[in-house]
Amino acid sequence: MQRSMPRALSPLLLSLSLSAQAAPDPHDWAAVLEEARGQEVFWYAWAGEERINDYIQWTAERVEARHGITLTHVKLGDTAEAVSRVLAERQAGNDDTGSVDLIWINGENFATMKANDLLFGPWAEQLPHYPLTAPEDNPAVRYDWTIPVDGLESPWDSSQVVFYYDTALVDDHPDSMPALLDWARANPGEFTYPRVPNFLGNAFITQALLELAEDTGPFYAPVEESDFDALTAPLWEFLDALHPHLWRGGRAFPANSSELRRLMGDGEIGIALSFSTTEASGAIANFELPETVRSYVHADGMLGNLSFLAIPYNASHPAGAMVVADFLLSPEAQARKQDPAVWGSGTVLAMERLDEQQRERFAAIDLGIATLPPEELGELLGQPHPSWVDALEAAWLERYVGQ
């Protein structure tokens, strides 16, 4: 998105002008708000769920009404598309007027952008709503897949893996990966998981990796090629045994969580999984799943993480991007996001930091009949170091797809 400038500006003045526009001071929030008004913010975000797309559209309506910001959702199938765009702009010498203003980013891509100095900031801890995350008591908001955030991205979503099952089809659900294998052998074709590298497919194999390992410590440090085969051997042994008993004999996999949910809704499978604790309830409310579906977790803990928003170093509208990120941290936006009838994704806010009225807003949310109460969600297993994602993905594809 290159812009024409008056010819009277010298190259030096042009450079200074663009640099000044590209570096609003997050400590001066009044100035950030003033600069953001009238900007169009291009938010590159995954678009694989209509509920999420609708939520982003609702956000666009709110920030336009309150801050005069036009929020455009650039719909992605993979976050790496946005990272590739920023890398291409750097290679082309576009260091000031990038086309990406805000990214819904994952730990793997954050690590890449941070290592290559592709991020604006630090800025996140200066957002007015950031203290509501209680960062001094909640270190998860300052680490993304073991990588220190250093104020370069803002948390906005909390998720963990849960399984869900149809009680009309399944009497006793398994509570571990070995038990799931036994169940699949006894109920062939009634379980599956999304195809890697879909994020939920990655989550399933990572959950299995952590559950089956004797020592999970090595997974929170960069992967070592010399140790990879030995450390992952229990995972491949488990998957080799599981796949013949999956839906379609493990010869095909659903592409994403939507397709997985559709299989459950059609009665083709009896157990599925999600990275949202309220997805099953939301799907019941939207008539995608039968009312007999319930959620459960494994006894030794479930994989979880926070999702973050990042601003590229060359964003054209970093002020507007910061204002959008701050709105998404507001109790209003966080409570709406947590409602299963809207999206059903967890909040990153600490309830003790909210006032009584704000807490009541959350307490009034009907989490739905299939949602486990917080005390039953079990231990949270942290995401391994980002280097494990690529290594596991490549090994899975080579082993089961032949790539």
Protein backbone atom coordinates (compact mmCIF):
# COMPACT_ATOMS: atom_id res chain seq x y z
CA MET A 1 0.00 0.00 0.00
CA GLN A 2 2.32 2.74 -1.26
CA ARG A 3 1.09 6.29 -0.99
CA SER A 4 1.87 9.25 -3.21
CA MET A 5 3.29 12.28 -1.36
CA PRO A 6 3.52 15.93 -2.45
CA ARG A 7 6.54 16.47 -4.69
CA ALA A 8 7.61 19.41 -2.57
CA LEU A 9 8.78 17.02 0.15
CA SER A 10 12.45 16.13 -0.13
CA PRO A 11 13.44 12.46 0.33
CA LEU A 12 14.84 13.32 3.77
CA LEU A 13 11.66 15.08 4.90
CA LEU A 14 9.57 12.26 3.47
CA SER A 15 11.57 9.72 5.44
CA LEU A 16 11.24 11.72 8.65
CA SER A 17 7.53 12.24 8.10
CA LEU A 18 6.83 8.53 7.57
CA SER A 19 9.05 7.55 10.50
CA ALA A 20 7.19 9.92 12.79
CA GLN A 21 3.86 8.48 11.69
CA ALA A 22 5.12 4.92 12.08
CA ALA A 23 6.30 5.29 15.69
CA PRO A 24 3.56 6.62 17.99
CA ASP A 25 4.56 6.58 21.64
CA PRO A 26 2.35 4.08 23.53
CA HIS A 27 3.14 5.94 26.77
CA ASP A 28 1.17 8.93 25.45
CA TRP A 29 -2.19 7.24 25.03
CA ALA A 30 -4.08 10.45 24.32
CA ALA A 31 -1.77 11.08 21.37
CA VAL A 32 -2.20 7.47 20.20
CA LEU A 33 -5.98 7.88 20.23
CA GLU A 34 -5.76 11.14 18.31
CA GLU A 35 -3.46 9.66 15.68
CA ALA A 36 -5.59 6.53 15.35
CA ARG A 37 -8.78 8.40 14.50
CA GLY A 38 -9.52 8.11 10.80
CA GLN A 39 -7.02 5.31 10.18
CA GLU A 40 -7.82 2.07 8.37
CA VAL A 41 -6.31 -0.86 10.24
CA PHE A 42 -5.67 -4.05 8.27
CA TRP A 43 -5.95 -6.96 10.69
CA TYR A 44 -4.54 -10.19 9.27
CA ALA A 45 -6.35 -12.96 11.13
CA TRP A 46 -7.26 -16.59 10.65
CA ALA A 47 -10.72 -16.90 9.09
CA GLY A 48 -11.53 -20.59 9.45
CA GLU A 49 -14.52 -20.12 11.76
CA GLU A 50 -17.57 -18.02 10.92
CA ARG A 51 -18.16 -17.28 14.61
CA ILE A 52 -14.70 -15.74 14.84
CA ASN A 53 -15.23 -13.79 11.63
CA ASP A 54 -18.52 -12.46 13.03
CA TYR A 55 -16.77 -11.45 16.25
CA ILE A 56 -14.12 -9.55 14.32
CA GLN A 57 -16.89 -7.79 12.37
CA TRP A 58 -18.53 -6.81 15.68
CA THR A 59 -15.15 -5.46 16.82
CA ALA A 60 -14.91 -3.43 13.62
CA GLU A 61 -18.29 -1.85 14.31
CA ARG A 62 -17.27 -0.94 17.87
CA VAL A 63 -13.90 0.62 17.07
CA GLU A 64 -15.41 2.61 14.21
CA ALA A 65 -18.15 4.00 16.43
CA ARG A 66 -15.84 4.82 19.33
CA HIS A 67 -12.54 5.69 17.73
CA GLY A 68 -13.25 6.45 14.09
CA ILE A 69 -11.12 3.47 13.01
CA THR A 70 -11.98 1.40 9.95
CA LEU A 71 -11.00 -2.18 10.79
CA THR A 72 -10.55 -4.45 7.77
CA HIS A 73 -10.27 -8.19 8.38
CA VAL A 74 -7.76 -9.68 5.95
CA LYS A 75 -8.80 -13.31 6.09
CA LEU A 76 -6.04 -15.90 6.36
CA GLY A 77 -5.90 -19.65 6.09
CA ASP A 78 -2.50 -19.64 7.81
CA THR A 79 -0.80 -16.95 9.90
CA ALA A 80 2.43 -17.60 7.99
CA GLU A 81 0.85 -15.75 5.05
CA ALA A 82 1.03 -12.49 7.00
CA VAL A 83 4.60 -13.15 8.11
CA SER A 84 5.61 -13.85 4.51
CA ARG A 85 4.03 -10.54 3.46
CA VAL A 86 6.09 -8.61 6.02
CA LEU A 87 9.27 -10.44 5.01
CA ALA A 88 8.63 -9.66 1.34
CA GLU A 89 8.12 -5.98 2.15
CA ARG A 90 11.40 -5.84 4.05
CA GLN A 91 13.21 -7.43 1.12
CA ALA A 92 11.62 -4.84 -1.15
CA GLY A 93 12.83 -2.02 1.12
CA ASN A 94 9.36 -1.07 2.38
CA ASP A 95 10.21 -0.22 5.98
CA ASP A 96 7.51 2.40 6.62
CA THR A 97 4.25 1.72 4.79
CA GLY A 98 3.61 -1.97 5.23
CA SER A 99 0.27 -3.51 4.33
CA VAL A 100 -0.07 -5.47 7.60
CA ASP A 101 -1.08 -3.43 10.66
CA LEU A 102 -2.08 -6.14 13.12
CA ILE A 103 -1.60 -9.93 13.19
CA TRP A 104 -3.36 -12.61 15.22
CA ILE A 105 -0.13 -14.50 15.70
CA ASN A 106 0.93 -17.86 17.11
CA GLY A 107 4.04 -18.68 19.09
CA GLU A 108 5.92 -20.16 16.16
CA ASN A 109 5.46 -17.10 13.96
CA PHE A 110 6.07 -14.72 16.84
CA ALA A 111 9.42 -16.38 17.46
CA THR A 112 10.32 -15.93 13.79
CA MET A 113 9.30 -12.27 13.66
CA LYS A 114 11.01 -11.43 16.95
CA ALA A 115 14.25 -13.12 15.93
CA ASN A 116 14.27 -11.16 12.66
CA ASP A 117 13.37 -7.75 14.19
CA LEU A 118 10.07 -7.64 12.32
CA LEU A 119 7.96 -6.35 15.23
CA PHE A 120 6.92 -2.87 16.35
CA GLY A 121 7.36 -2.02 19.99
CA PRO A 122 7.52 -2.61 22.85
CA TRP A 123 3.96 -1.35 23.25
CA ALA A 124 1.66 -3.97 24.80
CA GLU A 125 2.21 -3.22 28.49
CA GLN A 126 1.31 0.43 27.95
CA LEU A 127 -2.22 -0.42 26.79
CA PRO A 128 -4.76 1.00 29.29
CA HIS A 129 -6.46 -2.38 29.72
CA TYR A 130 -3.25 -4.43 30.00
CA PRO A 131 -3.11 -4.24 33.85
CA LEU A 132 -6.39 -6.19 33.94
CA THR A 133 -4.40 -9.29 32.92
CA ALA A 134 -2.52 -9.11 36.27
CA PRO A 135 0.83 -9.78 34.55
CA GLU A 136 2.81 -9.86 37.81
CA ASP A 137 0.68 -12.80 38.94
CA ASN A 138 0.16 -14.40 35.54
CA PRO A 139 3.50 -15.01 33.79
CA ALA A 140 1.69 -16.64 30.85
CA VAL A 141 0.91 -13.19 29.43
CA ARG A 142 4.65 -12.47 29.20
CA TYR A 143 5.71 -15.70 27.46
CA ASP A 144 4.55 -17.11 24.15
CA TRP A 145 5.51 -20.77 23.67
CA THR A 146 8.47 -20.22 26.07
CA ILE A 147 9.62 -17.08 24.18
CA PRO A 148 9.64 -13.84 26.26
CA VAL A 149 7.08 -11.42 24.86
CA ASP A 150 8.98 -8.28 25.95
CA GLY A 151 5.97 -6.08 25.25
CA LEU A 152 5.98 -6.89 21.54
CA GLU A 153 2.52 -8.48 21.48
CA SER A 154 -0.70 -8.20 23.44
CA PRO A 155 -2.63 -11.18 24.86
CA TRP A 156 -6.26 -11.40 23.84
CA ASP A 157 -7.43 -15.01 24.03
CA SER A 158 -6.99 -18.01 26.31
CA SER A 159 -7.47 -21.54 25.07
CA GLN A 160 -6.86 -25.11 26.08
CA VAL A 161 -7.50 -28.46 24.48
CA VAL A 162 -10.59 -30.36 25.59
CA PHE A 163 -12.21 -33.48 24.20
CA TYR A 164 -15.93 -33.73 23.63
CA TYR A 165 -18.11 -36.78 23.11
CA ASP A 166 -21.68 -37.72 22.35
CA THR A 167 -23.15 -39.37 25.44
CA ALA A 168 -25.78 -41.01 23.22
CA LEU A 169 -23.00 -42.94 21.47
CA VAL A 170 -20.26 -43.24 24.10
CA ASP A 171 -20.83 -44.71 27.56
CA ASP A 172 -17.40 -44.18 29.15
CA HIS A 173 -14.93 -41.73 27.65
CA PRO A 174 -11.16 -42.37 27.85
CA ASP A 175 -9.05 -40.17 30.13
CA SER A 176 -5.58 -40.61 28.61
CA MET A 177 -3.93 -41.26 25.27
CA PRO A 178 -3.39 -44.98 25.96
CA ALA A 179 -7.05 -45.24 26.97
CA LEU A 180 -8.05 -43.40 23.78
CA LEU A 181 -6.14 -45.98 21.75
CA ASP A 182 -7.97 -48.78 23.51
CA TRP A 183 -11.29 -47.03 22.90
CA ALA A 184 -10.51 -46.51 19.21
CA ARG A 185 -9.65 -50.20 18.81
CA ALA A 186 -13.01 -51.09 20.34
CA ASN A 187 -14.86 -48.43 18.31
CA PRO A 188 -13.17 -48.26 14.90
CA GLY A 189 -13.94 -45.23 12.76
CA GLU A 190 -15.45 -43.18 15.60
CA PHE A 191 -12.52 -40.87 16.33
CA THR A 192 -10.24 -38.69 14.25
CA TYR A 193 -8.28 -35.43 14.44
CA PRO A 194 -7.54 -32.67 11.90
CA ARG A 195 -4.77 -33.14 9.40
CA VAL A 196 -1.41 -31.72 10.38
CA PRO A 197 -0.37 -28.89 9.92
CA ASN A 198 -3.78 -27.55 10.96
CA PHE A 199 -3.33 -26.00 14.40
CA LEU A 200 -5.77 -28.43 16.04
CA GLY A 201 -4.02 -31.36 14.40
CA ASN A 202 -0.73 -30.03 15.73
CA ALA A 203 -2.35 -29.65 19.15
CA PHE A 204 -3.46 -33.29 19.18
CA ILE A 205 -0.05 -34.71 18.37
CA THR A 206 1.58 -32.30 20.85
CA GLN A 207 -0.86 -33.40 23.55
CA ALA A 208 0.05 -37.01 22.80
CA LEU A 209 3.76 -36.18 22.80
CA LEU A 210 3.57 -34.60 26.26
CA GLU A 211 1.33 -37.30 27.75
CA LEU A 212 3.43 -40.21 26.52
CA ALA A 213 6.87 -38.79 27.34
CA GLU A 214 8.76 -39.91 30.42
CA ASP A 215 10.28 -36.42 30.75
CA THR A 216 8.69 -33.34 29.14
CA GLY A 217 11.59 -31.01 30.02
CA PRO A 218 13.40 -31.33 26.65
CA PHE A 219 10.30 -30.10 24.80
CA TYR A 220 10.56 -26.65 26.39
CA ALA A 221 14.01 -26.04 24.91
CA PRO A 222 14.96 -25.80 21.22
CA VAL A 223 14.74 -29.12 19.45
CA GLU A 224 17.99 -31.02 18.93
CA GLU A 225 18.13 -33.17 15.81
CA SER A 226 20.30 -35.74 17.55
CA ASP A 227 17.62 -36.32 20.22
CA PHE A 228 14.50 -35.97 18.08
CA ASP A 229 14.00 -39.61 17.11
CA ALA A 230 14.45 -40.95 20.63
CA LEU A 231 12.25 -38.31 22.28
CA THR A 232 9.41 -38.69 19.78
CA ALA A 233 9.47 -42.50 19.47
CA PRO A 234 6.54 -42.98 21.90
CA LEU A 235 4.44 -40.55 19.85
CA TRP A 236 4.98 -42.36 16.54
CA GLU A 237 4.39 -45.75 18.16
CA PHE A 238 1.07 -44.43 19.50
CA LEU A 239 -0.02 -42.86 16.19
CA ASP A 240 1.02 -45.92 14.16
CA ALA A 241 -1.26 -48.00 16.37
CA LEU A 242 -4.09 -45.44 16.40
CA HIS A 243 -4.40 -44.49 12.72
CA PRO A 244 -5.84 -47.78 11.38
CA HIS A 245 -8.75 -47.35 13.80
CA LEU A 246 -9.56 -43.74 12.92
CA TRP A 247 -12.40 -42.43 10.75
CA ARG A 248 -11.79 -43.69 7.20
CA GLY A 249 -9.04 -45.91 8.55
CA GLY A 250 -6.70 -42.95 8.96
CA ARG A 251 -6.43 -42.58 5.17
CA ALA A 252 -8.04 -39.13 5.30
CA PHE A 253 -8.36 -36.44 7.95
CA PRO A 254 -10.74 -33.49 8.38
CA ALA A 255 -9.13 -30.22 7.37
CA ASN A 256 -9.98 -28.21 10.48
CA SER A 257 -12.14 -27.92 13.59
CA SER A 258 -15.23 -27.03 11.56
CA GLU A 259 -15.04 -30.25 9.55
CA LEU A 260 -14.35 -32.24 12.71
CA ARG A 261 -17.39 -30.71 14.39
CA ARG A 262 -19.49 -31.52 11.33
CA LEU A 263 -18.49 -35.19 11.57
CA MET A 264 -19.66 -35.22 15.18
CA GLY A 265 -22.88 -33.42 14.28
CA ASP A 266 -23.59 -35.98 11.57
CA GLY A 267 -23.03 -38.86 13.99
CA GLU A 268 -20.03 -40.20 12.04
CA ILE A 269 -17.74 -40.02 15.06
CA GLY A 270 -18.35 -40.24 18.81
CA ILE A 271 -15.32 -38.34 20.18
CA ALA A 272 -13.64 -35.16 18.92
CA LEU A 273 -11.43 -32.42 20.33
CA SER A 274 -11.28 -28.64 20.42
CA PHE A 275 -8.94 -25.84 21.46
CA SER A 276 -11.87 -24.04 23.09
CA THR A 277 -13.42 -25.12 26.37
CA THR A 278 -16.84 -23.84 25.27
CA GLU A 279 -16.87 -24.90 21.61
CA ALA A 280 -19.21 -27.83 22.20
CA SER A 281 -21.72 -25.65 24.07
CA GLY A 282 -21.58 -23.01 21.38
CA ALA A 283 -22.12 -25.62 18.69
CA ILE A 284 -25.11 -27.00 20.60
CA ALA A 285 -26.56 -23.49 20.88
CA ASN A 286 -26.07 -23.04 17.12
CA PHE A 287 -27.66 -26.46 16.37
CA GLU A 288 -24.40 -27.88 15.01
CA LEU A 289 -24.13 -30.58 17.68
CA PRO A 290 -26.78 -32.61 19.52
CA GLU A 291 -27.65 -31.70 23.10
CA THR A 292 -26.17 -35.01 24.25
CA VAL A 293 -22.59 -33.80 23.66
CA ARG A 294 -20.38 -33.12 26.70
CA SER A 295 -16.73 -32.13 27.26
CA TYR A 296 -13.99 -33.91 29.19
CA VAL A 297 -10.24 -33.72 29.82
CA HIS A 298 -7.43 -36.19 30.40
CA ALA A 299 -6.26 -36.97 33.89
CA ASP A 300 -2.66 -35.74 33.49
CA GLY A 301 -3.49 -32.31 32.07
CA MET A 302 -4.33 -30.64 28.77
CA LEU A 303 -2.33 -28.47 26.40
CA GLY A 304 -3.13 -24.77 26.67
CA ASN A 305 -1.87 -21.36 25.63
CA LEU A 306 -2.68 -17.70 25.16
CA SER A 307 -3.17 -16.07 21.78
CA PHE A 308 -1.55 -12.72 21.07
CA LEU A 309 -1.73 -9.77 18.70
CA ALA A 310 1.41 -8.31 17.15
CA ILE A 311 2.17 -5.21 15.09
CA PRO A 312 4.79 -5.48 12.31
CA TYR A 313 7.76 -3.12 12.43
CA ASN A 314 6.65 -1.40 9.21
CA ALA A 315 2.91 -1.16 9.91
CA SER A 316 1.31 1.85 8.26
CA HIS A 317 -1.11 2.38 11.16
CA PRO A 318 0.46 1.25 14.45
CA ALA A 319 -1.58 3.77 16.44
CA GLY A 320 -4.85 2.35 15.15
CA ALA A 321 -3.57 -1.19 15.68
CA MET A 322 -2.79 -0.44 19.33
CA VAL A 323 -6.24 1.02 19.90
CA VAL A 324 -7.86 -2.09 18.39
CA ALA A 325 -5.70 -4.34 20.56
CA ASP A 326 -6.63 -2.37 23.66
CA PHE A 327 -10.34 -2.59 22.84
CA LEU A 328 -9.98 -6.37 22.49
CA LEU A 329 -8.61 -6.43 26.07
CA SER A 330 -11.60 -4.52 27.41
CA PRO A 331 -14.02 -6.38 29.71
CA GLU A 332 -16.78 -5.71 27.18
CA ALA A 333 -14.90 -7.38 24.32
CA GLN A 334 -13.51 -10.20 26.47
CA ALA A 335 -16.91 -11.07 27.93
CA ARG A 336 -18.58 -11.12 24.53
CA LYS A 337 -15.82 -13.36 23.20
CA GLN A 338 -16.32 -15.81 26.09
CA ASP A 339 -20.04 -16.20 25.41
CA PRO A 340 -20.51 -19.61 23.69
CA ALA A 341 -23.37 -18.19 21.66
CA VAL A 342 -20.91 -15.69 20.15
CA TRP A 343 -17.56 -17.49 20.11
CA GLY A 344 -16.91 -19.18 23.44
CA SER A 345 -13.20 -18.52 23.80
CA GLY A 346 -11.59 -17.85 27.17
CA THR A 347 -10.69 -14.50 28.65
CA VAL A 348 -7.16 -13.35 29.50
CA LEU A 349 -8.42 -10.98 32.19
CA ALA A 350 -7.98 -11.62 35.92
CA MET A 351 -11.39 -11.44 37.57
CA GLU A 352 -9.91 -9.95 40.74
CA ARG A 353 -8.75 -6.93 38.70
CA LEU A 354 -12.28 -6.14 37.53
CA ASP A 355 -14.85 -4.03 39.31
CA GLU A 356 -18.09 -5.55 40.55
CA GLN A 357 -20.10 -4.62 37.46
CA GLN A 358 -17.47 -6.08 35.15
CA ARG A 359 -17.31 -9.31 37.13
CA GLU A 360 -21.07 -9.57 36.98
CA ARG A 361 -20.89 -9.32 33.20
CA PHE A 362 -18.75 -12.46 33.13
CA ALA A 363 -20.78 -14.23 35.81
CA ALA A 364 -23.94 -13.71 33.76
CA ILE A 365 -22.54 -15.64 30.78
CA ASP A 366 -24.24 -18.97 30.25
CA LEU A 367 -21.29 -21.21 29.45
CA GLY A 368 -23.63 -23.94 28.28
CA ILE A 369 -24.45 -27.50 29.21
CA ALA A 370 -21.36 -29.02 27.60
CA THR A 371 -18.78 -26.72 29.22
CA LEU A 372 -16.70 -27.92 32.15
CA PRO A 373 -16.49 -25.55 35.13
CA PRO A 374 -13.01 -24.04 35.64
CA GLU A 375 -12.22 -26.32 38.59
CA GLU A 376 -12.70 -29.39 36.37
CA LEU A 377 -10.46 -28.32 33.49
CA GLY A 378 -7.41 -29.92 35.08
CA GLU A 379 -3.74 -29.05 34.91
CA LEU A 380 -2.58 -26.86 32.04
CA LEU A 381 0.32 -28.21 29.96
CA GLY A 382 2.41 -25.43 28.41
CA GLN A 383 3.20 -25.24 24.71
CA PRO A 384 6.65 -26.62 23.82
CA HIS A 385 9.34 -24.44 22.25
CA PRO A 386 8.28 -23.27 18.75
CA SER A 387 11.07 -25.25 17.07
CA TRP A 388 9.20 -28.44 17.95
CA VAL A 389 6.23 -27.42 15.82
CA ASP A 390 8.11 -27.50 12.53
CA ALA A 391 10.00 -30.65 13.48
CA LEU A 392 6.86 -32.57 14.48
CA GLU A 393 4.93 -31.31 11.48
CA ALA A 394 7.64 -32.35 9.02
CA ALA A 395 8.00 -35.77 10.63
CA TRP A 396 4.21 -36.34 10.64
CA LEU A 397 3.88 -35.39 6.98
CA GLU A 398 6.80 -37.58 5.95
CA ARG A 399 5.50 -40.53 7.93
CA TYR A 400 1.79 -40.36 7.07
CA VAL A 401 1.52 -38.38 3.84
CA GLY A 402 4.83 -39.08 2.18
CA GLN A 403 5.99 -35.47 1.94
